């Protein structure tokens, strides 16, 4: 047992003595400390300002309940937890550790949740780390960061004298990682073996962190699941989003001081409402783009992350990265505006990308369609949306980052019979219950209504073994399963190896040859 952790005291509780304070957590199947504040409240005058590290606290801190989620519109697809509350004062993290820790300091996995940069929280029941911690013998940290307009709105260019900062959510995560580096040994974690991992927007933050020079040293490995890596834009596009937001609130920016005061005084509910209006309007006006995303500011983020990583200019740490086979079907099913799937909107997206990449020869529509010539007509749009939104950025990163560090590439293909029946398949985020070992989504979850739970449990075990082996610094292999070879463009066989995750994992050489040929080798982004 770590000298900094004591299980004495209150029944079913544990105490960790860290530089940041003495934290009273829960002792059950694992140890869990919840709602640990890592930053001062980003409220009032600190709204839209860089996060400020919280000072160490004297006395014992109750860390048995989750901290508030960042204010957001409730989304049935993203349940925050039965006891979840929302508050702008949301910058907290949670630590999960095994009960027995006699083996010394354990590897640490820091989870960055997804949700289109707008939804979600570390309190989501899906991200209960009990199973992952017990099976993998790792420390898991889950982090809250500012979302939507609170974390990704860039007012700095629009109101330059308003005292606003940018890339706030990314800075929140950087500050949380600094907290981990300084404090995690008190919870039994090794600060020199930190793996960041995230999915969707969380995966996007992972790939952005890989291209953030100041993040070097805060993590030693990275896992990016379904990262929208190319959805990071320049200051001009961010300014246009800010203009929409301010107009939605009805604030006049002619006087910077008055505008700044009005923005900071705006009620939380109005900020969320205005953000949701902009969230829907931006991808409608500019197909393929998001309203809220990290900003290429030339400082914290010097250049497009996918361009930097394609060129091998990222932080040189091992990377496990991949996507799901049917990413886009969820967005069609939910009638989401985020991904274009119709012919006209895809054509507009391609034209806009060509205009934003004048130095790159983009693929023609005919060239792109060669990758989907065997698909049903209505499935072509889903394939194009999946590949330009998720798969191709992932491949571009694997190709470039693999030249400077080891990369393991996967595609998650498994779908329970019910999900196949309704046409979702292995869609966006469906790998998450398998990774976290939380396959029971509650009484209303229909996933295993037609069977498939036994296969799911087997896949879950293997995924947890692979992900945690990677975090330990080992090859990401699982008991009795196919060995996973790194993705290499040149040299050792199999070339461009991709692990296809299903009931029985298979290693496929150059799985993505058709889409690589169709889309080309140069990363395409929006400016």
Protein backbone atom coordinates (compact mmCIF):
# COMPACT_ATOMS: atom_id res chain seq x y z
CA UNK A 1 0.00 0.00 0.00
CA UNK A 2 1.27 3.46 -0.87
CA UNK A 3 2.59 5.38 2.14
CA UNK A 4 0.33 8.24 1.07
CA UNK A 5 -2.89 6.17 1.19
CA UNK A 6 -4.63 5.00 4.32
CA UNK A 7 -7.76 2.87 4.55
CA UNK A 8 -8.16 3.66 8.22
CA UNK A 9 -10.86 5.94 9.53
CA UNK A 10 -14.43 6.05 8.30
CA UNK A 11 -15.98 2.79 7.14
CA UNK A 12 -15.67 2.17 3.40
CA UNK A 13 -13.38 5.14 2.91
CA UNK A 14 -9.76 5.83 2.15
CA UNK A 15 -7.48 8.81 2.63
CA UNK A 16 -4.79 10.03 0.22
CA UNK A 17 -2.26 12.63 1.35
CA UNK A 18 -1.04 14.56 -1.70
CA UNK A 19 0.70 17.93 -2.18
CA UNK A 20 -2.71 19.36 -3.19
CA UNK A 21 -4.35 18.22 0.05
CA UNK A 22 -5.65 15.27 2.04
CA UNK A 23 -8.54 13.63 0.16
CA UNK A 24 -11.14 11.31 1.68
CA UNK A 25 -12.40 8.86 -0.96
CA UNK A 26 -14.59 5.77 -1.17
CA UNK A 27 -13.33 2.24 -0.65
CA UNK A 28 -15.33 -0.47 -2.41
CA UNK A 29 -14.20 -2.82 -5.17
CA UNK A 30 -11.60 -0.15 -5.91
CA UNK A 31 -10.55 3.10 -4.29
CA UNK A 32 -12.19 6.15 -5.80
CA UNK A 33 -11.68 9.85 -5.13
CA UNK A 34 -14.22 12.04 -6.87
CA UNK A 35 -14.71 15.72 -7.49
CA UNK A 36 -11.14 16.84 -6.74
CA UNK A 37 -10.85 20.48 -7.75
CA UNK A 38 -7.74 21.21 -9.86
CA UNK A 39 -8.54 24.84 -10.80
CA UNK A 40 -10.18 27.88 -9.32
CA UNK A 41 -13.79 28.46 -10.33
CA UNK A 42 -13.82 29.84 -13.93
CA UNK A 43 -16.72 32.15 -13.08
CA UNK A 44 -17.37 35.88 -12.87
CA UNK A 45 -14.22 37.70 -13.93
CA UNK A 46 -12.56 34.36 -14.73
CA UNK A 47 -15.19 33.38 -17.32
CA UNK A 48 -13.38 32.96 -20.67
CA UNK A 49 -10.01 33.32 -18.96
CA UNK A 50 -7.18 30.82 -18.64
CA UNK A 51 -7.62 28.31 -15.80
CA UNK A 52 -5.79 29.07 -12.56
CA UNK A 53 -4.39 26.21 -10.48
CA UNK A 54 -6.10 25.80 -7.14
CA UNK A 55 -3.95 26.35 -4.08
CA UNK A 56 -3.26 23.41 -1.73
CA UNK A 57 -6.02 22.99 0.85
CA UNK A 58 -5.48 22.55 4.57
CA UNK A 59 -7.44 19.88 6.37
CA UNK A 60 -9.30 16.88 5.03
CA UNK A 61 -11.28 17.23 1.78
CA UNK A 62 -14.37 15.12 1.12
CA UNK A 63 -13.78 13.49 -2.28
CA UNK A 64 -16.65 11.02 -2.33
CA UNK A 65 -18.99 12.76 -4.80
CA UNK A 66 -18.51 13.87 -8.39
CA UNK A 67 -18.03 17.54 -9.07
CA UNK A 68 -20.52 19.44 -11.23
CA UNK A 69 -20.64 18.94 -14.99
CA UNK A 70 -20.08 21.92 -17.23
CA UNK A 71 -23.47 23.49 -18.07
CA UNK A 72 -24.94 21.99 -21.24
CA UNK A 73 -28.23 21.12 -22.85
CA UNK A 74 -29.32 17.73 -21.57
CA UNK A 75 -28.86 15.05 -24.22
CA UNK A 76 -30.52 11.62 -23.84
CA UNK A 77 -27.61 10.06 -25.72
CA UNK A 78 -25.16 11.38 -23.10
CA UNK A 79 -26.53 10.57 -19.62
CA UNK A 80 -24.48 12.43 -17.03
CA UNK A 81 -25.47 10.29 -14.04
CA UNK A 82 -28.48 10.20 -11.73
CA UNK A 83 -26.98 12.61 -9.20
CA UNK A 84 -25.25 14.89 -11.69
CA UNK A 85 -25.52 18.63 -11.26
CA UNK A 86 -24.35 21.34 -13.62
CA UNK A 87 -22.39 24.40 -12.65
CA UNK A 88 -19.95 26.72 -14.37
CA UNK A 89 -17.56 25.89 -11.51
CA UNK A 90 -16.84 22.49 -13.05
CA UNK A 91 -13.07 21.95 -13.17
CA UNK A 92 -12.54 18.77 -11.19
CA UNK A 93 -11.15 15.30 -11.70
CA UNK A 94 -11.59 11.80 -10.31
CA UNK A 95 -9.01 9.16 -9.42
CA UNK A 96 -9.64 5.41 -9.42
CA UNK A 97 -7.07 2.96 -8.01
CA UNK A 98 -6.90 -0.75 -7.18
CA UNK A 99 -7.42 -1.78 -3.58
CA UNK A 100 -4.15 -3.71 -3.48
CA UNK A 101 -1.12 -1.73 -4.63
CA UNK A 102 1.84 -3.66 -3.27
CA UNK A 103 3.59 -3.67 -6.67
CA UNK A 104 4.77 -0.07 -6.43
CA UNK A 105 3.62 2.86 -8.49
CA UNK A 106 1.20 1.90 -11.25
CA UNK A 107 0.76 3.28 -14.77
CA UNK A 108 -1.77 6.10 -15.06
CA UNK A 109 -4.46 6.51 -17.71
CA UNK A 110 -6.05 9.97 -17.98
CA UNK A 111 -9.43 9.93 -19.72
CA UNK A 112 -10.72 12.89 -21.74
CA UNK A 113 -14.41 12.38 -22.46
CA UNK A 114 -16.09 13.14 -25.77
CA UNK A 115 -19.36 14.78 -26.72
CA UNK A 116 -18.84 17.01 -29.76
CA UNK A 117 -16.91 19.47 -27.54
CA UNK A 118 -20.35 20.38 -26.15
CA UNK A 119 -21.75 17.50 -24.07
CA UNK A 120 -20.59 15.03 -21.45
CA UNK A 121 -18.80 14.83 -18.11
CA UNK A 122 -16.47 12.64 -16.11
CA UNK A 123 -19.48 11.61 -14.00
CA UNK A 124 -21.10 9.64 -16.84
CA UNK A 125 -21.88 6.12 -15.56
CA UNK A 126 -20.23 4.73 -18.69
CA UNK A 127 -16.88 6.00 -17.40
CA UNK A 128 -17.01 4.24 -14.05
CA UNK A 129 -13.45 2.91 -14.03
CA UNK A 130 -13.99 0.00 -11.63
CA UNK A 131 -13.71 -2.74 -14.26
CA UNK A 132 -10.79 -1.16 -16.11
CA UNK A 133 -8.84 -0.58 -12.90
CA UNK A 134 -9.43 -4.08 -11.54
CA UNK A 135 -8.61 -5.88 -14.76
CA UNK A 136 -5.73 -3.70 -15.86
CA UNK A 137 -4.11 -2.92 -12.51
CA UNK A 138 -3.79 0.73 -13.47
CA UNK A 139 -4.71 4.12 -12.04
CA UNK A 140 -7.46 5.88 -14.02
CA UNK A 141 -8.08 9.62 -13.87
CA UNK A 142 -11.20 11.12 -15.48
CA UNK A 143 -11.31 14.86 -16.12
CA UNK A 144 -13.93 17.58 -16.46
CA UNK A 145 -13.14 20.48 -18.76
CA UNK A 146 -15.14 23.46 -20.02
CA UNK A 147 -17.50 22.65 -22.90
CA UNK A 148 -19.27 24.45 -25.73
CA UNK A 149 -19.10 28.23 -25.49
CA UNK A 150 -17.54 28.06 -22.01
CA UNK A 151 -14.48 26.13 -23.26
CA UNK A 152 -14.20 26.56 -27.02
CA UNK A 153 -15.55 30.01 -27.84
CA UNK A 154 -12.77 32.36 -29.01
CA UNK A 155 -13.67 35.93 -28.12
CA UNK A 156 -10.08 37.17 -28.20
CA UNK A 157 -10.14 38.28 -31.86
CA UNK A 158 -13.68 39.61 -31.77
CA UNK A 159 -13.24 41.68 -28.60
CA UNK A 160 -9.45 42.12 -28.45
CA UNK A 161 -9.57 44.51 -25.49
CA UNK A 162 -12.03 42.46 -23.50
CA UNK A 163 -9.47 40.44 -21.55
CA UNK A 164 -10.50 37.14 -23.09
CA UNK A 165 -8.25 34.09 -23.54
CA UNK A 166 -8.60 31.27 -26.06
CA UNK A 167 -8.25 27.47 -26.16
CA UNK A 168 -9.62 27.32 -22.63
CA UNK A 169 -10.70 23.67 -22.66
CA UNK A 170 -7.31 22.53 -23.91
CA UNK A 171 -5.68 24.59 -21.16
CA UNK A 172 -8.04 22.99 -18.64
CA UNK A 173 -6.77 19.57 -19.69
CA UNK A 174 -3.15 20.74 -19.60
CA UNK A 175 -3.67 22.01 -16.05
CA UNK A 176 -5.28 18.71 -15.04
CA UNK A 177 -2.28 16.85 -16.46
CA UNK A 178 0.03 19.11 -14.47
CA UNK A 179 -2.02 18.24 -11.36
CA UNK A 180 -1.57 14.55 -12.17
CA UNK A 181 2.18 14.98 -12.57
CA UNK A 182 2.46 16.66 -9.15
CA UNK A 183 -0.02 14.57 -7.15
CA UNK A 184 -0.70 11.15 -8.65
CA UNK A 185 2.06 9.32 -6.78
CA UNK A 186 0.08 9.94 -3.58
CA UNK A 187 -2.71 7.80 -5.09
CA UNK A 188 -0.32 5.03 -6.17
CA UNK A 189 0.30 6.27 -9.72
CA UNK A 190 3.57 6.69 -11.58
CA UNK A 191 3.89 10.28 -12.91
CA UNK A 192 6.44 9.04 -15.46
CA UNK A 193 4.01 6.55 -16.99
CA UNK A 194 0.98 8.64 -17.95
CA UNK A 195 -1.18 7.69 -20.94
CA UNK A 196 -3.79 10.15 -22.17
CA UNK A 197 -6.79 8.55 -23.84
CA UNK A 198 -10.03 9.88 -25.22
CA UNK A 199 -12.83 9.30 -27.72
CA UNK A 200 -14.55 11.57 -30.25
CA UNK A 201 -13.99 15.14 -29.01
CA UNK A 202 -11.80 13.62 -26.30
CA UNK A 203 -9.83 11.87 -29.02
CA UNK A 204 -9.62 15.20 -30.82
CA UNK A 205 -8.10 16.74 -27.71
CA UNK A 206 -5.62 13.85 -27.55
CA UNK A 207 -4.42 14.40 -31.12
CA UNK A 208 -4.35 18.16 -30.50
CA UNK A 209 -2.22 17.62 -27.39
CA UNK A 210 0.19 15.58 -29.50
CA UNK A 211 0.67 18.71 -31.64
CA UNK A 212 0.92 21.09 -28.64
CA UNK A 213 4.63 21.64 -27.88
CA UNK A 214 3.99 22.81 -24.30
CA UNK A 215 2.31 19.45 -23.51
CA UNK A 216 5.61 17.59 -23.88
CA UNK A 217 6.53 15.77 -20.68
CA UNK A 218 2.98 15.67 -19.32
CA UNK A 219 2.29 12.24 -20.85
CA UNK A 220 4.36 9.39 -22.21
CA UNK A 221 1.77 7.56 -24.36
CA UNK A 222 -1.47 8.45 -26.12
CA UNK A 223 -4.64 6.69 -27.28
CA UNK A 224 -7.02 8.43 -29.70
CA UNK A 225 -10.38 6.79 -30.43
CA UNK A 226 -12.48 8.18 -33.30
CA UNK A 227 -10.65 11.49 -33.27
CA UNK A 228 -12.03 14.30 -35.46
CA UNK A 229 -8.40 15.36 -35.76
CA UNK A 230 -8.91 17.72 -38.68
CA UNK A 231 -11.72 19.64 -36.92
CA UNK A 232 -9.37 22.28 -35.53
CA UNK A 233 -9.62 25.68 -37.17
CA UNK A 234 -7.87 29.02 -37.47
CA UNK A 235 -8.70 32.28 -35.73
CA UNK A 236 -10.77 33.70 -38.58
CA UNK A 237 -13.22 30.81 -38.57
CA UNK A 238 -13.29 30.96 -34.76
CA UNK A 239 -14.04 34.68 -34.96
CA UNK A 240 -17.03 34.05 -37.22
CA UNK A 241 -18.40 31.59 -34.64
CA UNK A 242 -17.92 34.19 -31.91
CA UNK A 243 -19.80 36.76 -34.04
CA UNK A 244 -22.76 34.37 -34.31
CA UNK A 245 -22.68 33.74 -30.58
CA UNK A 246 -22.56 37.39 -29.56
CA UNK A 247 -25.34 38.24 -32.03
CA UNK A 248 -27.42 35.40 -30.58
CA UNK A 249 -27.05 36.97 -27.14
CA UNK A 250 -27.90 40.39 -28.55
CA UNK A 251 -24.69 42.01 -27.29
CA UNK A 252 -23.20 45.05 -29.07
CA UNK A 253 -19.40 44.81 -29.29
CA UNK A 254 -18.83 48.46 -30.31
CA UNK A 255 -17.60 49.23 -26.80
CA UNK A 256 -15.19 46.48 -25.72
CA UNK A 257 -15.55 47.14 -22.00
CA UNK A 258 -19.35 47.11 -22.12
CA UNK A 259 -19.34 43.99 -24.31
CA UNK A 260 -16.94 42.17 -22.01
CA UNK A 261 -19.05 43.06 -18.99
CA UNK A 262 -22.25 41.89 -20.70
CA UNK A 263 -20.66 38.63 -21.80
CA UNK A 264 -19.38 37.85 -18.31
CA UNK A 265 -22.70 38.81 -16.76
CA UNK A 266 -24.79 36.72 -19.16
CA UNK A 267 -26.79 34.07 -17.25
CA UNK A 268 -25.50 30.54 -17.65
CA UNK A 269 -28.77 29.36 -19.20
CA UNK A 270 -28.55 32.07 -21.87
CA UNK A 271 -24.95 31.13 -22.67
CA UNK A 272 -25.98 27.49 -23.13
CA UNK A 273 -29.02 28.45 -25.24
CA UNK A 274 -26.98 30.75 -27.51
CA UNK A 275 -24.28 28.10 -27.82
CA UNK A 276 -26.78 25.46 -28.90
CA UNK A 277 -28.18 27.76 -31.58
CA UNK A 278 -24.67 28.34 -32.93
CA UNK A 279 -23.85 24.62 -32.57
CA UNK A 280 -26.67 23.81 -35.01
CA UNK A 281 -26.19 26.78 -37.36
CA UNK A 282 -22.48 26.47 -38.14
CA UNK A 283 -22.44 22.96 -39.68
CA UNK A 284 -25.61 23.84 -41.56
CA UNK A 285 -23.92 26.88 -43.12
CA UNK A 286 -20.51 25.21 -43.59
CA UNK A 287 -20.94 21.42 -43.97
CA UNK A 288 -18.25 19.39 -42.29
CA UNK A 289 -17.29 22.00 -39.70
CA UNK A 290 -18.04 22.31 -36.00
CA UNK A 291 -18.96 25.44 -34.09
CA UNK A 292 -16.81 24.58 -31.10
CA UNK A 293 -13.32 23.10 -31.41
CA UNK A 294 -9.71 23.96 -30.53
CA UNK A 295 -8.26 26.97 -32.34
CA UNK A 296 -4.97 27.13 -34.25
CA UNK A 297 -3.73 30.28 -32.54
CA UNK A 298 -0.09 30.16 -33.68
CA UNK A 299 0.98 30.00 -30.05
CA UNK A 300 -0.37 27.14 -27.95
CA UNK A 301 -1.37 25.30 -31.14
CA UNK A 302 1.15 26.43 -33.77
CA UNK A 303 -0.40 24.65 -36.76
CA UNK A 304 -3.14 22.25 -37.75
CA UNK A 305 -2.64 19.13 -35.58
CA UNK A 306 -3.40 16.69 -38.40
CA UNK A 307 -0.92 18.51 -40.70
CA UNK A 308 1.74 18.55 -37.98
CA UNK A 309 1.28 14.88 -37.14
CA UNK A 310 1.15 13.87 -40.82
CA UNK A 311 4.56 15.53 -41.18
CA UNK A 312 5.97 13.82 -38.08
CA UNK A 313 6.16 17.05 -36.09
CA UNK A 314 4.17 15.84 -33.07
CA UNK A 315 5.35 14.94 -29.58
CA UNK A 316 7.26 11.70 -30.08
CA UNK A 317 5.38 9.28 -27.88
CA UNK A 318 3.85 5.91 -28.80
CA UNK A 319 0.30 6.16 -30.12
CA UNK A 320 -2.62 3.74 -30.28
CA UNK A 321 -5.25 5.11 -32.65
CA UNK A 322 -8.31 3.95 -34.55
CA UNK A 323 -11.94 4.36 -35.52
CA UNK A 324 -15.15 2.35 -35.79
CA UNK A 325 -16.32 0.69 -38.99
CA UNK A 326 -19.66 2.53 -39.23
CA UNK A 327 -18.86 5.86 -37.56
CA UNK A 328 -21.35 7.99 -39.47
CA UNK A 329 -24.51 5.90 -39.11
CA UNK A 330 -25.15 7.32 -35.62
CA UNK A 331 -25.28 10.86 -36.99
CA UNK A 332 -27.82 9.86 -39.64
CA UNK A 333 -29.86 7.97 -37.04
CA UNK A 334 -29.93 11.02 -34.72
CA UNK A 335 -30.50 13.44 -37.60
CA UNK A 336 -27.43 15.29 -36.36
CA UNK A 337 -26.21 18.29 -38.38
CA UNK A 338 -22.59 17.58 -37.55
CA UNK A 339 -21.67 15.32 -40.47
CA UNK A 340 -22.83 15.84 -44.07
CA UNK A 341 -24.14 12.68 -45.72
CA UNK A 342 -26.19 13.93 -48.68
CA UNK A 343 -24.65 14.43 -52.13
CA UNK A 344 -25.15 18.20 -52.20
CA UNK A 345 -23.71 18.81 -48.74
CA UNK A 346 -20.75 16.51 -49.40
CA UNK A 347 -20.06 18.41 -52.65
CA UNK A 348 -20.14 21.71 -50.75
CA UNK A 349 -17.79 20.32 -48.12
CA UNK A 350 -15.29 19.14 -50.76
CA UNK A 351 -15.42 22.50 -52.54
CA UNK A 352 -14.82 24.34 -49.26
CA UNK A 353 -11.91 22.07 -48.35
CA UNK A 354 -10.36 22.66 -51.77
CA UNK A 355 -10.66 26.41 -51.25
CA UNK A 356 -9.09 26.13 -47.80
CA UNK A 357 -6.17 24.02 -49.09
CA UNK A 358 -4.86 25.97 -52.11
CA UNK A 359 -1.41 24.39 -51.88
CA UNK A 360 -2.85 20.85 -51.92
CA UNK A 361 -4.24 19.11 -54.98
CA UNK A 362 -7.49 17.70 -53.54
CA UNK A 363 -9.06 14.50 -54.85
CA UNK A 364 -11.79 14.90 -57.41
CA UNK A 365 -15.30 13.66 -56.67
CA UNK A 366 -14.78 10.83 -59.16
CA UNK A 367 -11.54 9.86 -57.46
CA UNK A 368 -13.20 9.82 -54.04
CA UNK A 369 -16.07 7.69 -55.30
CA UNK A 370 -13.69 4.93 -56.44
CA UNK A 371 -13.41 3.88 -52.80
CA UNK A 372 -17.17 3.31 -52.59
CA UNK A 373 -17.96 1.80 -56.00
CA UNK A 374 -19.22 -1.41 -54.42
CA UNK A 375 -21.38 0.32 -51.81
CA UNK A 376 -25.13 0.83 -52.11
CA UNK A 377 -25.93 4.34 -53.32
CA UNK A 378 -27.35 5.57 -50.01
CA UNK A 379 -24.35 4.13 -48.18
CA UNK A 380 -21.85 6.16 -50.22
CA UNK A 381 -22.57 9.36 -48.31
CA UNK A 382 -22.13 7.57 -45.00
CA UNK A 383 -18.81 6.17 -46.20
CA UNK A 384 -17.52 9.55 -47.34
CA UNK A 385 -18.65 11.21 -44.10
CA UNK A 386 -17.02 8.49 -42.01
CA UNK A 387 -13.74 8.69 -43.88
CA UNK A 388 -13.26 12.44 -44.17
CA UNK A 389 -14.51 12.99 -40.62
CA UNK A 390 -12.66 10.19 -38.84
CA UNK A 391 -10.86 7.49 -40.80
CA UNK A 392 -8.68 9.53 -43.13
CA UNK A 393 -7.41 11.92 -40.43
CA UNK A 394 -6.57 8.82 -38.40
CA UNK A 395 -4.69 7.25 -41.32
CA UNK A 396 -2.83 10.48 -42.09
CA UNK A 397 -1.72 10.64 -38.47
CA UNK A 398 -0.67 6.97 -38.40
CA UNK A 399 1.34 7.44 -41.60
CA UNK A 400 3.22 10.49 -40.33
CA UNK A 401 3.54 9.85 -36.60
CA UNK A 402 4.65 6.28 -37.32
CA UNK A 403 7.87 7.70 -38.75
CA UNK A 404 8.87 9.18 -35.38
CA UNK A 405 7.22 6.85 -32.82
CA UNK A 406 5.52 3.47 -32.64
CA UNK A 407 1.89 3.53 -33.78
CA UNK A 408 -0.76 0.83 -33.45
CA UNK A 409 -3.81 1.24 -35.71
CA UNK A 410 -7.19 -0.43 -35.19
CA UNK A 411 -10.70 -0.54 -36.57
CA UNK A 412 -13.54 -1.60 -34.28
CA UNK A 413 -15.94 -3.74 -36.34
CA UNK A 414 -18.07 -5.50 -33.76
CA UNK A 415 -21.77 -4.80 -33.45
CA UNK A 416 -24.36 -6.63 -31.37
CA UNK A 417 -27.14 -8.26 -33.43
CA UNK A 418 -29.68 -5.56 -32.48
CA UNK A 419 -27.41 -2.74 -33.66
CA UNK A 420 -26.85 -4.55 -36.95
CA UNK A 421 -30.60 -5.07 -37.36
CA UNK A 422 -31.44 -1.36 -37.01
CA UNK A 423 -28.62 -0.32 -39.33
CA UNK A 424 -26.26 1.27 -36.83
CA UNK A 425 -23.59 -1.42 -36.90
CA UNK A 426 -20.28 -0.55 -35.27
CA UNK A 427 -21.14 3.11 -35.12
CA UNK A 428 -19.59 6.07 -33.34
CA UNK A 429 -18.88 5.45 -29.63
CA UNK A 430 -20.10 1.85 -29.58
CA UNK A 431 -16.64 0.63 -28.54
CA UNK A 432 -16.85 2.54 -25.25
CA UNK A 433 -18.91 0.05 -23.18
CA UNK A 434 -16.45 -2.66 -24.22
CA UNK A 435 -13.40 -0.64 -23.21
CA UNK A 436 -14.83 0.39 -19.86
CA UNK A 437 -16.38 -3.01 -19.14
CA UNK A 438 -19.74 -1.36 -18.54
CA UNK A 439 -21.93 -3.31 -20.94
CA UNK A 440 -25.15 -2.87 -18.99
CA UNK A 441 -26.59 0.45 -20.10
CA UNK A 442 -29.63 0.18 -17.84
CA UNK A 443 -33.12 -1.30 -18.19
CA UNK A 444 -33.90 0.71 -21.35
CA UNK A 445 -30.70 -0.21 -23.18
CA UNK A 446 -31.70 -2.41 -26.16
CA UNK A 447 -28.17 -3.32 -27.27
CA UNK A 448 -28.30 -7.00 -26.31
CA UNK A 449 -32.03 -7.51 -26.80
CA UNK A 450 -31.25 -10.00 -29.58
CA UNK A 451 -28.28 -11.59 -27.83
CA UNK A 452 -24.55 -11.10 -28.18
CA UNK A 453 -23.66 -10.41 -24.56
CA UNK A 454 -21.26 -13.34 -24.22
CA UNK A 455 -19.27 -12.25 -27.27
CA UNK A 456 -19.32 -8.69 -25.93
CA UNK A 457 -17.87 -9.77 -22.61
CA UNK A 458 -15.03 -11.58 -24.37
CA UNK A 459 -14.28 -8.54 -26.56
CA UNK A 460 -14.36 -6.31 -23.49
CA UNK A 461 -11.77 -8.39 -21.67
CA UNK A 462 -9.44 -8.36 -24.68
CA UNK A 463 -9.81 -4.60 -25.24
CA UNK A 464 -9.11 -3.83 -21.61
CA UNK A 465 -6.04 -6.05 -21.70
CA UNK A 466 -4.76 -4.40 -24.88
CA UNK A 467 -5.33 -0.81 -23.73
CA UNK A 468 -3.80 -1.34 -20.28
CA UNK A 469 -0.84 -3.32 -21.66
CA UNK A 470 -0.12 -0.33 -23.90
CA UNK A 471 -0.32 1.95 -20.85
CA UNK A 472 2.22 -0.25 -19.08
CA UNK A 473 4.64 0.25 -21.98
CA UNK A 474 4.09 -3.21 -23.44
CA UNK A 475 2.85 -4.39 -26.82
CA UNK A 476 -0.98 -4.00 -26.78
CA UNK A 477 -1.73 -7.73 -26.77
CA UNK A 478 -4.40 -9.82 -25.06
CA UNK A 479 -4.46 -13.38 -23.74
CA UNK A 480 -5.03 -15.91 -26.51
CA UNK A 481 -5.69 -13.21 -29.10
CA UNK A 482 -3.95 -12.13 -32.28
CA UNK A 483 -0.67 -10.31 -31.66
CA UNK A 484 -0.89 -6.66 -32.67
CA UNK A 485 1.98 -5.42 -34.82
CA UNK A 486 2.78 -1.70 -35.14
CA UNK A 487 1.66 0.23 -38.21
CA UNK A 488 4.66 0.72 -40.47
CA UNK A 489 4.76 2.28 -43.91
CA UNK A 490 8.14 0.74 -44.68
CA UNK A 491 10.16 -2.14 -43.37
CA UNK A 492 8.88 -5.02 -41.31
CA UNK A 493 5.87 -7.08 -42.38
CA UNK A 494 2.93 -6.84 -42.20
CA UNK A 495 3.00 -3.44 -43.87
CA UNK A 496 0.40 -0.95 -42.56
CA UNK A 497 -0.92 -3.55 -40.11
CA UNK A 498 -4.40 -2.81 -38.76
CA UNK A 499 -6.07 -4.74 -35.96
CA UNK A 500 -9.73 -5.39 -36.79
CA UNK A 501 -11.49 -5.79 -33.45
CA UNK A 502 -14.40 -8.22 -33.50
CA UNK A 503 -15.45 -11.48 -31.88
CA UNK A 504 -12.12 -12.76 -33.17
CA UNK A 505 -9.50 -10.08 -33.77
CA UNK A 506 -7.60 -10.18 -37.04
CA UNK A 507 -4.50 -8.33 -38.20
CA UNK A 508 -4.96 -7.06 -41.76
CA UNK A 509 -2.19 -5.59 -43.90
CA UNK A 510 -3.12 -2.30 -45.57
CA UNK A 511 -6.80 -2.54 -44.68
CA UNK A 512 -7.38 1.03 -45.88
CA UNK A 513 -5.71 0.83 -49.30
CA UNK A 514 -8.87 1.81 -51.25
CA UNK A 515 -9.63 4.91 -49.19
CA UNK A 516 -5.97 5.94 -49.02
CA UNK A 517 -5.81 5.78 -52.80
CA UNK A 518 -9.06 7.69 -53.19
CA UNK A 519 -8.36 10.49 -50.71
CA UNK A 520 -4.62 10.82 -51.23
CA UNK A 521 -1.67 11.18 -48.87
CA UNK A 522 -1.91 14.89 -48.04
CA UNK A 523 -3.97 15.90 -45.03
CA UNK A 524 -7.07 17.92 -45.87
CA UNK A 525 -8.36 20.45 -43.35
CA UNK A 526 -10.54 23.53 -43.04
CA UNK A 527 -8.67 26.75 -42.45
